[in-house]
């Protein structure tokens, strides 16, 4: 159904348009996307007549600062947090600024690193959008996808985008977008695939500290990482390493997501604490393995919601999962940084196998995680029974 990222980048570099589709849980919409560098009058006219949506020009944060592009509002309540700037028109060479030719001139000027704030009048007829610094790795939106595609194509990091609307005025969804792509001869990609493409080729996690750690469930080398483009750059992710994990043999691996009530408070209403400790015991017995502890960055509202859910008898992942999916990308980048590419994954969740495999990690075996309520004494007995 989808084309490859390489195919899309090739077309972007040639000044062609591609269709970019976002996730079903988000807008589930498709945009025409092209490099703003290459935008001509006929391209702009194609967008407004064929796609019929709002024409915007996503730019990098650096370019937005260079052009003094300020947010349209001090309090952004847009559903997806799209960073609209005050609209602009190119000052020289335009009249009203609304024609296809004049909007294309404005788009090209917004992409030009030599442009200055004084080159534009405000308000205008083109809406600049300010992309997050980490691109789609930081925000999975069309804004960031457009800037990423232009950058990967070796062009100035700015795009021209327009939502695709059907003839009846409703938004085109994936089936209609696929038909549109086939009819118009356009490549079509997903934001999700672009995220994976970048994550497989770029590694942003940073090791901040390391130490030896002795626990009831084993002794490990503990390494702390941060992810500047994760949901919360202040979060610290932990890798517990046992033995020599280098070499071609698959590594016994557990990727464990933070559970506030279970891991921190020791709640008996979920088995998250048992799963964490049992995985540590399994790795200790193996003598070689790694556990990656994924932080979720729960704020006050999430913590209160989790406590309320636990009080209502809801437990397990349902009571402790934030609105965002597990940070497979951060976990995968930590594993990659440590040289782990083949693993025997400790999990009872098939979705986790699929999720990690999607980040270029080879899972050679699914190792079930057996948990049962046990006292501290039993932990020690289990550890030394091997």
Protein backbone atom coordinates (compact mmCIF):
# COMPACT_ATOMS: atom_id res chain seq x y z
CA UNK A 1 0.00 0.00 0.00
CA UNK A 2 2.70 2.49 1.03
CA UNK A 3 5.78 3.49 -0.88
CA UNK A 4 9.22 3.46 0.72
CA UNK A 5 10.69 6.50 2.41
CA UNK A 6 13.52 6.43 -0.13
CA UNK A 7 11.01 6.68 -2.99
CA UNK A 8 9.26 9.61 -1.32
CA UNK A 9 12.53 11.43 -0.62
CA UNK A 10 13.59 10.97 -4.25
CA UNK A 11 10.38 12.64 -5.44
CA UNK A 12 10.69 15.45 -2.88
CA UNK A 13 14.21 16.13 -4.13
CA UNK A 14 12.86 16.39 -7.69
CA UNK A 15 10.26 18.94 -6.63
CA UNK A 16 7.35 16.51 -6.75
CA UNK A 17 4.58 16.07 -4.22
CA UNK A 18 3.92 13.04 -2.06
CA UNK A 19 1.00 12.12 0.19
CA UNK A 20 1.77 11.74 3.89
CA UNK A 21 -0.75 9.90 6.08
CA UNK A 22 -0.78 10.10 9.86
CA UNK A 23 -1.96 7.60 12.45
CA UNK A 24 -5.55 6.41 12.88
CA UNK A 25 -5.45 7.44 16.54
CA UNK A 26 -4.49 10.97 15.51
CA UNK A 27 -6.08 12.96 12.65
CA UNK A 28 -6.10 9.95 10.28
CA UNK A 29 -5.74 12.40 7.41
CA UNK A 30 -3.49 12.81 4.41
CA UNK A 31 -1.63 15.90 3.23
CA UNK A 32 0.00 16.76 -0.05
CA UNK A 33 3.60 17.52 0.87
CA UNK A 34 6.44 19.04 -1.14
CA UNK A 35 9.61 21.00 -0.45
CA UNK A 36 8.91 24.72 -0.11
CA UNK A 37 12.16 25.36 -2.00
CA UNK A 38 10.59 23.83 -5.10
CA UNK A 39 7.07 25.26 -4.84
CA UNK A 40 5.87 26.86 -8.10
CA UNK A 41 2.63 28.58 -9.05
CA UNK A 42 1.32 25.42 -10.72
CA UNK A 43 2.10 23.38 -7.59
CA UNK A 44 0.20 25.78 -5.35
CA UNK A 45 -2.71 25.83 -7.79
CA UNK A 46 -2.74 22.01 -7.83
CA UNK A 47 -2.97 21.94 -4.05
CA UNK A 48 -5.86 24.38 -3.77
CA UNK A 49 -7.85 22.81 -6.63
CA UNK A 50 -7.10 19.10 -6.09
CA UNK A 51 -6.56 18.82 -2.33
CA UNK A 52 -8.72 21.82 -1.36
CA UNK A 53 -7.37 22.14 2.19
CA UNK A 54 -5.48 24.92 3.96
CA UNK A 55 -2.06 25.62 2.45
CA UNK A 56 0.63 25.92 5.13
CA UNK A 57 4.41 26.11 5.14
CA UNK A 58 6.13 24.14 7.93
CA UNK A 59 9.58 25.49 8.81
CA UNK A 60 12.27 24.54 11.29
CA UNK A 61 12.41 26.23 14.68
CA UNK A 62 15.70 27.85 13.65
CA UNK A 63 14.18 29.38 10.51
CA UNK A 64 11.13 30.53 12.47
CA UNK A 65 13.40 32.34 14.90
CA UNK A 66 15.41 33.86 12.04
CA UNK A 67 12.21 35.25 10.51
CA UNK A 68 10.69 36.33 13.85
CA UNK A 69 7.67 34.11 13.26
CA UNK A 70 5.65 34.31 16.45
CA UNK A 71 2.82 31.98 17.52
CA UNK A 72 -0.64 32.94 16.32
CA UNK A 73 -1.92 32.69 19.90
CA UNK A 74 -0.34 32.63 23.34
CA UNK A 75 -2.53 29.67 24.33
CA UNK A 76 -2.61 26.93 21.71
CA UNK A 77 -5.81 24.87 22.04
CA UNK A 78 -5.65 23.33 18.54
CA UNK A 79 -6.59 19.64 18.76
CA UNK A 80 -3.14 18.33 17.76
CA UNK A 81 -1.09 21.23 19.06
CA UNK A 82 -0.15 22.42 15.57
CA UNK A 83 2.16 25.41 16.01
CA UNK A 84 0.53 28.00 13.76
CA UNK A 85 2.45 31.23 13.31
CA UNK A 86 1.03 34.59 12.31
CA UNK A 87 0.25 34.43 8.58
CA UNK A 88 2.57 36.21 6.14
CA UNK A 89 2.98 37.37 2.54
CA UNK A 90 6.24 38.05 0.74
CA UNK A 91 6.62 41.80 0.65
CA UNK A 92 8.42 42.33 -2.66
CA UNK A 93 6.96 40.98 -5.89
CA UNK A 94 3.42 40.42 -4.65
CA UNK A 95 0.18 42.42 -4.65
CA UNK A 96 -2.62 40.97 -2.53
CA UNK A 97 -0.64 37.78 -1.87
CA UNK A 98 -3.59 35.44 -2.49
CA UNK A 99 -2.89 34.20 -6.03
CA UNK A 100 -1.24 30.82 -6.52
CA UNK A 101 1.87 32.48 -7.94
CA UNK A 102 2.19 34.90 -5.03
CA UNK A 103 1.57 32.24 -2.38
CA UNK A 104 4.25 30.09 -4.04
CA UNK A 105 6.66 33.05 -3.85
CA UNK A 106 5.92 33.39 -0.16
CA UNK A 107 6.51 29.66 0.40
CA UNK A 108 9.90 29.80 -1.33
CA UNK A 109 10.86 32.91 0.64
CA UNK A 110 9.98 31.20 3.93
CA UNK A 111 12.36 28.37 3.00
CA UNK A 112 15.19 30.70 1.99
CA UNK A 113 17.84 30.94 4.77
CA UNK A 114 18.77 34.42 3.49
CA UNK A 115 15.27 35.82 4.08
CA UNK A 116 14.79 38.41 6.82
CA UNK A 117 11.78 39.34 8.97
CA UNK A 118 11.40 42.57 6.99
CA UNK A 119 10.86 40.55 3.79
CA UNK A 120 7.29 39.72 4.88
CA UNK A 121 4.11 41.60 5.73
CA UNK A 122 1.78 40.31 8.42
CA UNK A 123 -0.92 39.09 8.38
CA UNK A 124 -0.90 37.42 4.99
CA UNK A 125 -2.19 34.44 3.05
CA UNK A 126 0.36 31.74 3.93
CA UNK A 127 0.37 30.11 7.36
CA UNK A 128 3.84 29.14 8.61
CA UNK A 129 3.92 26.17 10.98
CA UNK A 130 6.80 25.74 13.41
CA UNK A 131 8.16 22.18 13.55
CA UNK A 132 9.53 20.61 16.72
CA UNK A 133 13.36 20.37 16.76
CA UNK A 134 13.30 16.56 16.79
CA UNK A 135 10.96 16.28 13.82
CA UNK A 136 8.69 13.23 13.74
CA UNK A 137 10.71 11.64 16.55
CA UNK A 138 9.36 14.37 18.81
CA UNK A 139 5.90 14.95 17.29
CA UNK A 140 4.22 12.61 14.80
CA UNK A 141 2.60 15.32 12.67
CA UNK A 142 2.48 16.44 9.06
CA UNK A 143 4.37 19.60 10.04
CA UNK A 144 7.38 17.65 11.24
CA UNK A 145 7.14 15.11 8.41
CA UNK A 146 7.34 17.86 5.78
CA UNK A 147 10.42 19.43 7.38
CA UNK A 148 12.09 16.03 7.85
CA UNK A 149 11.49 14.99 4.23
CA UNK A 150 12.95 18.24 2.90
CA UNK A 151 15.98 17.93 5.18
CA UNK A 152 16.59 14.29 4.24
CA UNK A 153 16.34 15.27 0.57
CA UNK A 154 19.17 17.77 1.10
CA UNK A 155 16.94 20.83 0.72
CA UNK A 156 16.18 23.68 3.09
CA UNK A 157 14.10 22.29 6.00
CA UNK A 158 10.73 23.70 4.97
CA UNK A 159 7.71 22.25 3.20
CA UNK A 160 4.45 23.24 1.58
CA UNK A 161 1.48 21.14 2.70
CA UNK A 162 -2.27 20.96 2.11
CA UNK A 163 -4.91 18.62 3.55
CA UNK A 164 -6.77 16.42 1.08
CA UNK A 165 -10.55 16.93 1.16
CA UNK A 166 -13.12 14.90 -0.77
CA UNK A 167 -15.56 16.40 -3.26
CA UNK A 168 -18.35 16.22 -0.67
CA UNK A 169 -16.32 18.35 1.74
CA UNK A 170 -15.35 15.56 4.15
CA UNK A 171 -11.77 14.61 4.95
CA UNK A 172 -10.22 11.89 2.82
CA UNK A 173 -9.24 8.82 4.83
CA UNK A 174 -6.82 6.05 3.89
CA UNK A 175 -8.97 4.26 1.26
CA UNK A 176 -9.71 7.55 -0.53
CA UNK A 177 -6.10 8.70 -0.14
CA UNK A 178 -4.84 5.50 -1.76
CA UNK A 179 -7.22 6.02 -4.67
CA UNK A 180 -6.10 9.65 -4.95
CA UNK A 181 -2.43 8.59 -5.05
CA UNK A 182 -3.08 6.00 -7.77
CA UNK A 183 -5.19 8.38 -9.83
CA UNK A 184 -2.70 11.24 -9.61
CA UNK A 185 0.46 9.15 -9.83
CA UNK A 186 1.76 10.21 -6.42
CA UNK A 187 3.83 8.33 -3.87
CA UNK A 188 2.16 7.76 -0.49
CA UNK A 189 3.90 7.18 2.86
CA UNK A 190 2.93 7.17 6.54
CA UNK A 191 4.33 9.26 9.38
CA UNK A 192 4.81 6.01 11.30
CA UNK A 193 7.14 4.65 8.62
CA UNK A 194 9.10 7.91 8.59
CA UNK A 195 9.53 7.66 12.37
CA UNK A 196 10.85 4.11 12.02
CA UNK A 197 13.10 5.09 9.10
CA UNK A 198 14.73 7.86 11.13
CA UNK A 199 14.98 5.83 14.33
CA UNK A 200 16.79 3.03 12.50
CA UNK A 201 19.36 5.47 11.08
CA UNK A 202 19.75 8.06 13.82
CA UNK A 203 20.42 7.51 17.51
CA UNK A 204 19.70 10.33 19.93
CA UNK A 205 19.77 8.63 23.33
CA UNK A 206 22.60 9.82 25.54
CA UNK A 207 24.30 7.88 28.32
CA UNK A 208 24.40 10.12 31.39
CA UNK A 209 25.83 7.90 34.15
CA UNK A 210 26.75 4.32 35.08
CA UNK A 211 27.30 2.40 38.32
CA UNK A 212 27.33 -1.07 39.84
CA UNK A 213 24.00 -1.96 41.47
CA UNK A 214 23.39 -4.79 43.94
CA UNK A 215 19.76 -5.78 44.54
CA UNK A 216 17.79 -8.60 46.17
CA UNK A 217 17.30 -10.02 42.70
CA UNK A 218 20.84 -9.82 41.38
CA UNK A 219 23.85 -7.63 40.75
CA UNK A 220 23.92 -5.52 37.61
CA UNK A 221 25.71 -2.76 35.81
CA UNK A 222 23.28 0.16 35.80
CA UNK A 223 23.38 2.75 33.01
CA UNK A 224 21.20 5.85 32.83
CA UNK A 225 20.05 7.42 29.54
CA UNK A 226 18.10 10.46 28.42
CA UNK A 227 16.22 11.01 25.17
CA UNK A 228 16.13 14.68 24.09
CA UNK A 229 13.35 13.97 21.60
CA UNK A 230 11.27 11.73 23.83
CA UNK A 231 7.92 12.83 25.31
CA UNK A 232 9.77 14.35 28.27
CA UNK A 233 13.51 15.12 27.81
CA UNK A 234 13.97 15.21 31.60
CA UNK A 235 13.07 11.53 32.01
CA UNK A 236 15.88 9.11 32.86
CA UNK A 237 15.71 5.60 31.37
CA UNK A 238 17.58 2.74 33.03
CA UNK A 239 19.40 -0.26 31.55
CA UNK A 240 20.37 -3.09 33.93
CA UNK A 241 23.11 -5.17 32.30
CA UNK A 242 24.30 -8.60 33.39
CA UNK A 243 27.47 -10.14 32.02
CA UNK A 244 28.95 -9.66 28.56
CA UNK A 245 26.14 -8.79 26.15
CA UNK A 246 28.45 -8.39 23.16
CA UNK A 247 28.79 -11.10 20.55
CA UNK A 248 26.44 -12.73 18.04
CA UNK A 249 24.39 -14.81 20.48
CA UNK A 250 20.87 -13.47 21.21
CA UNK A 251 20.64 -11.63 24.53
CA UNK A 252 17.97 -12.39 27.12
CA UNK A 253 16.10 -9.07 27.20
CA UNK A 254 13.24 -7.48 29.08
CA UNK A 255 11.75 -4.08 28.19
CA UNK A 256 9.71 -3.03 31.23
CA UNK A 257 7.34 -0.06 31.25
CA UNK A 258 7.07 2.03 34.39
CA UNK A 259 4.07 1.35 36.63
CA UNK A 260 3.50 3.98 39.30
CA UNK A 261 1.25 1.98 41.62
CA UNK A 262 3.05 -1.33 41.13
CA UNK A 263 6.75 -0.46 40.88
CA UNK A 264 6.84 2.52 43.25
CA UNK A 265 4.08 1.76 45.75
CA UNK A 266 4.17 -2.05 45.57
CA UNK A 267 0.46 -2.34 44.84
CA UNK A 268 -1.00 -5.84 45.14
CA UNK A 269 -3.70 -4.91 42.61
CA UNK A 270 -1.33 -5.48 39.68
CA UNK A 271 1.58 -7.81 38.92
CA UNK A 272 3.91 -5.14 37.51
CA UNK A 273 6.24 -5.31 40.51
CA UNK A 274 6.37 -9.12 40.31
CA UNK A 275 7.12 -8.95 36.58
CA UNK A 276 10.01 -6.56 37.12
CA UNK A 277 11.59 -8.64 39.87
CA UNK A 278 10.99 -11.97 38.13
CA UNK A 279 12.68 -10.65 34.98
CA UNK A 280 15.67 -9.54 37.05
CA UNK A 281 15.87 -13.03 38.62
CA UNK A 282 15.70 -14.67 35.18
CA UNK A 283 18.53 -12.48 33.88
CA UNK A 284 20.61 -13.11 37.03
CA UNK A 285 20.19 -16.87 36.63
CA UNK A 286 21.09 -16.64 32.94
CA UNK A 287 24.27 -14.76 33.80
CA UNK A 288 23.87 -12.64 30.67
CA UNK A 289 21.08 -10.26 29.77
CA UNK A 290 19.62 -6.78 29.90
CA UNK A 291 16.54 -5.10 31.36
CA UNK A 292 15.51 -1.70 29.99
CA UNK A 293 13.22 0.28 32.30
CA UNK A 294 11.06 2.67 30.28
CA UNK A 295 9.86 5.78 32.07
CA UNK A 296 6.40 7.17 31.25
CA UNK A 297 6.66 10.59 32.85
CA UNK A 298 3.33 10.46 34.64
CA UNK A 299 2.18 13.88 35.81
CA UNK A 300 -0.26 14.75 38.57
CA UNK A 301 -3.38 14.05 36.49
CA UNK A 302 -2.11 10.67 35.30
CA UNK A 303 -1.05 9.61 38.79
CA UNK A 304 -4.42 10.59 40.27
CA UNK A 305 -6.22 8.77 37.45
CA UNK A 306 -4.13 5.65 38.09
CA UNK A 307 -4.87 5.72 41.81
CA UNK A 308 -8.58 6.16 41.10
CA UNK A 309 -8.51 3.26 38.63
CA UNK A 310 -6.71 1.07 41.15
CA UNK A 311 -9.33 1.96 43.75
CA UNK A 312 -12.04 0.82 41.32
CA UNK A 313 -10.39 -2.56 40.97
CA UNK A 314 -8.77 -1.88 37.62
CA UNK A 315 -5.22 -3.14 37.51
CA UNK A 316 -2.41 -4.13 35.21
CA UNK A 317 -1.54 -2.11 32.15
CA UNK A 318 -5.02 -0.65 31.88
CA UNK A 319 -4.61 1.28 35.12
CA UNK A 320 -1.10 2.46 34.42
CA UNK A 321 -0.87 3.18 30.70
CA UNK A 322 -0.64 6.83 29.64
CA UNK A 323 -2.31 8.13 26.50
CA UNK A 324 0.88 7.61 24.53
CA UNK A 325 1.95 4.12 23.50
CA UNK A 326 5.01 2.57 25.12
CA UNK A 327 8.25 4.21 24.10
CA UNK A 328 9.48 1.33 21.94
CA UNK A 329 11.67 3.75 20.02
CA UNK A 330 13.63 4.90 23.08
CA UNK A 331 14.03 1.34 24.32
CA UNK A 332 15.17 0.18 20.89
CA UNK A 333 17.72 2.99 20.64
CA UNK A 334 19.15 2.10 24.06
CA UNK A 335 19.47 -1.54 22.99
CA UNK A 336 21.09 -0.48 19.72
CA UNK A 337 23.51 1.83 21.56
CA UNK A 338 24.51 -1.17 23.71
CA UNK A 339 25.09 -3.30 20.61
CA UNK A 340 22.06 -5.56 21.13
CA UNK A 341 20.35 -6.48 17.86
CA UNK A 342 19.26 -10.09 18.47
CA UNK A 343 17.33 -10.97 21.59
CA UNK A 344 15.35 -13.55 23.44
CA UNK A 345 12.53 -11.31 24.61
CA UNK A 346 10.98 -11.83 28.04
CA UNK A 347 7.30 -11.00 27.59
CA UNK A 348 3.76 -12.33 27.76
CA UNK A 349 2.52 -9.62 25.38
CA UNK A 350 2.56 -10.35 21.62
CA UNK A 351 2.15 -6.61 20.91
CA UNK A 352 5.52 -5.96 22.53
CA UNK A 353 7.15 -8.49 20.18
CA UNK A 354 5.62 -6.75 17.17
CA UNK A 355 6.44 -3.31 18.54
CA UNK A 356 10.13 -3.97 19.15
CA UNK A 357 10.56 -5.92 15.91
CA UNK A 358 9.33 -2.83 14.09
CA UNK A 359 12.43 -0.98 15.26
CA UNK A 360 14.89 -3.24 13.47
CA UNK A 361 15.50 -5.63 16.36
CA UNK A 362 15.48 -9.37 15.69
CA UNK A 363 13.57 -11.40 18.26
CA UNK A 364 14.72 -15.00 18.08
CA UNK A 365 12.62 -16.35 20.94
CA UNK A 366 9.64 -15.40 23.09
CA UNK A 367 10.46 -16.24 26.72
CA UNK A 368 7.31 -16.30 28.91
CA UNK A 369 7.34 -14.41 32.18
CA UNK A 370 5.86 -16.42 35.06
CA UNK A 371 4.80 -14.38 38.06
CA UNK A 372 3.15 -15.24 41.34
CA UNK A 373 2.81 -13.40 44.67
CA UNK A 374 5.85 -14.28 46.78
CA UNK A 375 7.41 -12.90 49.92
CA UNK A 376 10.88 -11.37 50.14
CA UNK A 377 12.25 -14.62 51.57
CA UNK A 378 10.99 -16.50 48.53
CA UNK A 379 12.79 -14.05 46.23
CA UNK A 380 16.07 -14.95 47.89
CA UNK A 381 15.33 -18.67 47.73
CA UNK A 382 14.47 -18.49 44.05
CA UNK A 383 17.64 -16.54 43.30
CA UNK A 384 19.96 -19.06 44.92
CA UNK A 385 18.21 -22.25 43.80
CA UNK A 386 19.93 -22.35 40.40
